Amino acid sequence: MVPFIAFLSAFIIAMIFAIVRWRVFKLKKDRARLEAEVRNRTRTIAAQVKN
């Protein structure tokens, strides 16, 4: 029973770690996409102001 509990504990910890890493990766990806969109819109607004 003890090896099963140890395995289950390790599995749960590994799953939590994997979920956190996936979430951080997704947040970084979304942040990069949003920053690119802001740059593009800023460029568009700046071009409109010049005209």
N, C-alpha and C. Protein backbone atom coordinates (compact mmCIF):
# COMPACT_ATOMS: atom_id res chain seq x y z
N MET A 1 0.81 -1.19 0.00
CA MET A 1 0.00 0.00 0.00
C MET A 1 0.86 1.26 0.00
N VAL A 2 1.97 1.24 0.73
CA VAL A 2 2.84 2.42 0.81
C VAL A 2 3.44 2.77 -0.56
N PRO A 3 3.91 1.78 -1.36
CA PRO A 3 4.44 2.14 -2.68
C PRO A 3 3.37 2.79 -3.57
N PHE A 4 2.14 2.32 -3.44
CA PHE A 4 1.06 2.90 -4.24
C PHE A 4 0.81 4.35 -3.85
N ILE A 5 0.81 4.63 -2.56
CA ILE A 5 0.60 5.99 -2.08
C ILE A 5 1.76 6.89 -2.52
N ALA A 6 2.97 6.37 -2.45
CA ALA A 6 4.14 7.14 -2.90
C ALA A 6 4.04 7.43 -4.41
N PHE A 7 3.67 6.42 -5.19
CA PHE A 7 3.50 6.61 -6.63
C PHE A 7 2.40 7.62 -6.92
N LEU A 8 1.28 7.49 -6.24
CA LEU A 8 0.16 8.40 -6.44
C LEU A 8 0.54 9.83 -6.07
N SER A 9 1.26 9.99 -4.98
CA SER A 9 1.72 11.33 -4.57
C SER A 9 2.65 11.92 -5.61
N ALA A 10 3.59 11.13 -6.09
CA ALA A 10 4.52 11.60 -7.11
C ALA A 10 3.78 11.95 -8.39
N PHE A 11 2.80 11.15 -8.75
CA PHE A 11 2.01 11.42 -9.95
C PHE A 11 1.23 12.72 -9.83
N ILE A 12 0.62 12.95 -8.69
CA ILE A 12 -0.14 14.18 -8.48
C ILE A 12 0.77 15.40 -8.53
N ILE A 13 1.93 15.30 -7.90
CA ILE A 13 2.89 16.41 -7.92
C ILE A 13 3.36 16.68 -9.36
N ALA A 14 3.64 15.62 -10.10
CA ALA A 14 4.07 15.77 -11.50
C ALA A 14 2.98 16.40 -12.35
N MET A 15 1.73 16.02 -12.12
CA MET A 15 0.62 16.59 -12.88
C MET A 15 0.45 18.07 -12.56
N ILE A 16 0.56 18.45 -11.31
CA ILE A 16 0.46 19.86 -10.93
C ILE A 16 1.58 20.65 -11.59
N PHE A 17 2.79 20.11 -11.55
CA PHE A 17 3.94 20.76 -12.18
C PHE A 17 3.70 20.94 -13.68
N ALA A 18 3.20 19.90 -14.34
CA ALA A 18 2.94 19.96 -15.78
C ALA A 18 1.87 20.99 -16.10
N ILE A 19 0.83 21.06 -15.31
CA ILE A 19 -0.24 22.03 -15.54
C ILE A 19 0.27 23.45 -15.38
N VAL A 20 1.07 23.68 -14.36
CA VAL A 20 1.63 25.02 -14.14
C VAL A 20 2.54 25.40 -15.30
N ARG A 21 3.38 24.49 -15.75
CA ARG A 21 4.27 24.80 -16.88
C ARG A 21 3.48 25.08 -18.15
N TRP A 22 2.43 24.31 -18.40
CA TRP A 22 1.59 24.52 -19.58
C TRP A 22 0.92 25.89 -19.51
N ARG A 23 0.43 26.25 -18.35
CA ARG A 23 -0.25 27.54 -18.17
C ARG A 23 0.72 28.70 -18.39
N VAL A 24 1.93 28.60 -17.85
CA VAL A 24 2.93 29.65 -18.04
C VAL A 24 3.28 29.77 -19.53
N PHE A 25 3.45 28.64 -20.21
CA PHE A 25 3.74 28.66 -21.64
C PHE A 25 2.62 29.36 -22.41
N LYS A 26 1.38 29.02 -22.08
CA LYS A 26 0.23 29.61 -22.77
C LYS A 26 0.15 31.11 -22.50
N LEU A 27 0.40 31.52 -21.27
CA LEU A 27 0.36 32.94 -20.93
C LEU A 27 1.44 33.72 -21.69
N LYS A 28 2.64 33.16 -21.79
CA LYS A 28 3.71 33.83 -22.54
C LYS A 28 3.36 33.95 -24.01
N LYS A 29 2.78 32.89 -24.56
CA LYS A 29 2.37 32.90 -25.96
C LYS A 29 1.29 33.96 -26.21
N ASP A 30 0.30 34.02 -25.33
CA ASP A 30 -0.77 35.01 -25.46
C ASP A 30 -0.23 36.43 -25.30
N ARG A 31 0.71 36.60 -24.39
CA ARG A 31 1.29 37.93 -24.17
C ARG A 31 2.04 38.40 -25.41
N ALA A 32 2.80 37.51 -26.03
CA ALA A 32 3.53 37.87 -27.24
C ALA A 32 2.57 38.24 -28.36
N ARG A 33 1.49 37.48 -28.48
CA ARG A 33 0.49 37.77 -29.52
C ARG A 33 -0.17 39.13 -29.28
N LEU A 34 -0.51 39.42 -28.04
CA LEU A 34 -1.14 40.69 -27.72
C LEU A 34 -0.18 41.86 -27.93
N GLU A 35 1.08 41.68 -27.56
CA GLU A 35 2.06 42.75 -27.78
C GLU A 35 2.22 43.05 -29.26
N ALA A 36 2.22 42.01 -30.09
CA ALA A 36 2.31 42.20 -31.54
C ALA A 36 1.08 42.94 -32.06
N GLU A 37 -0.07 42.59 -31.55
CA GLU A 37 -1.30 43.26 -31.97
C GLU A 37 -1.30 44.73 -31.56
N VAL A 38 -0.82 45.02 -30.37
CA VAL A 38 -0.73 46.41 -29.91
C VAL A 38 0.23 47.20 -30.80
N ARG A 39 1.39 46.59 -31.15
CA ARG A 39 2.33 47.27 -32.04
C ARG A 39 1.70 47.59 -33.39
N ASN A 40 0.97 46.61 -33.94
CA ASN A 40 0.33 46.81 -35.24
C ASN A 40 -0.73 47.91 -35.17
N ARG A 41 -1.54 47.91 -34.15
CA ARG A 41 -2.58 48.93 -34.03
C ARG A 41 -1.98 50.31 -33.76
N THR A 42 -0.90 50.35 -32.99
CA THR A 42 -0.23 51.62 -32.74
C THR A 42 0.34 52.17 -34.05
N ARG A 43 0.92 51.29 -34.85
CA ARG A 43 1.46 51.69 -36.16
C ARG A 43 0.33 52.23 -37.05
N THR A 44 -0.82 51.56 -37.03
CA THR A 44 -1.96 52.01 -37.83
C THR A 44 -2.45 53.38 -37.38
N ILE A 45 -2.57 53.57 -36.09
CA ILE A 45 -3.03 54.86 -35.56
C ILE A 45 -2.03 55.96 -35.89
N ALA A 46 -0.75 55.65 -35.76
CA ALA A 46 0.28 56.65 -36.07
C ALA A 46 0.21 57.03 -37.56
N ALA A 47 -0.05 56.08 -38.43
CA ALA A 47 -0.16 56.36 -39.86
C ALA A 47 -1.41 57.21 -40.13
N GLN A 48 -2.49 56.98 -39.43
CA GLN A 48 -3.71 57.75 -39.62
C GLN A 48 -3.51 59.19 -39.14
N VAL A 49 -2.78 59.37 -38.07
CA VAL A 49 -2.54 60.71 -37.52
C VAL A 49 -1.69 61.53 -38.50
N LYS A 50 -0.73 60.90 -39.16
CA LYS A 50 0.13 61.59 -40.12
C LYS A 50 -0.65 62.08 -41.34
N ASN A 51 -1.70 61.36 -41.70
CA ASN A 51 -2.47 61.72 -42.90
C ASN A 51 -3.55 62.67 -42.58
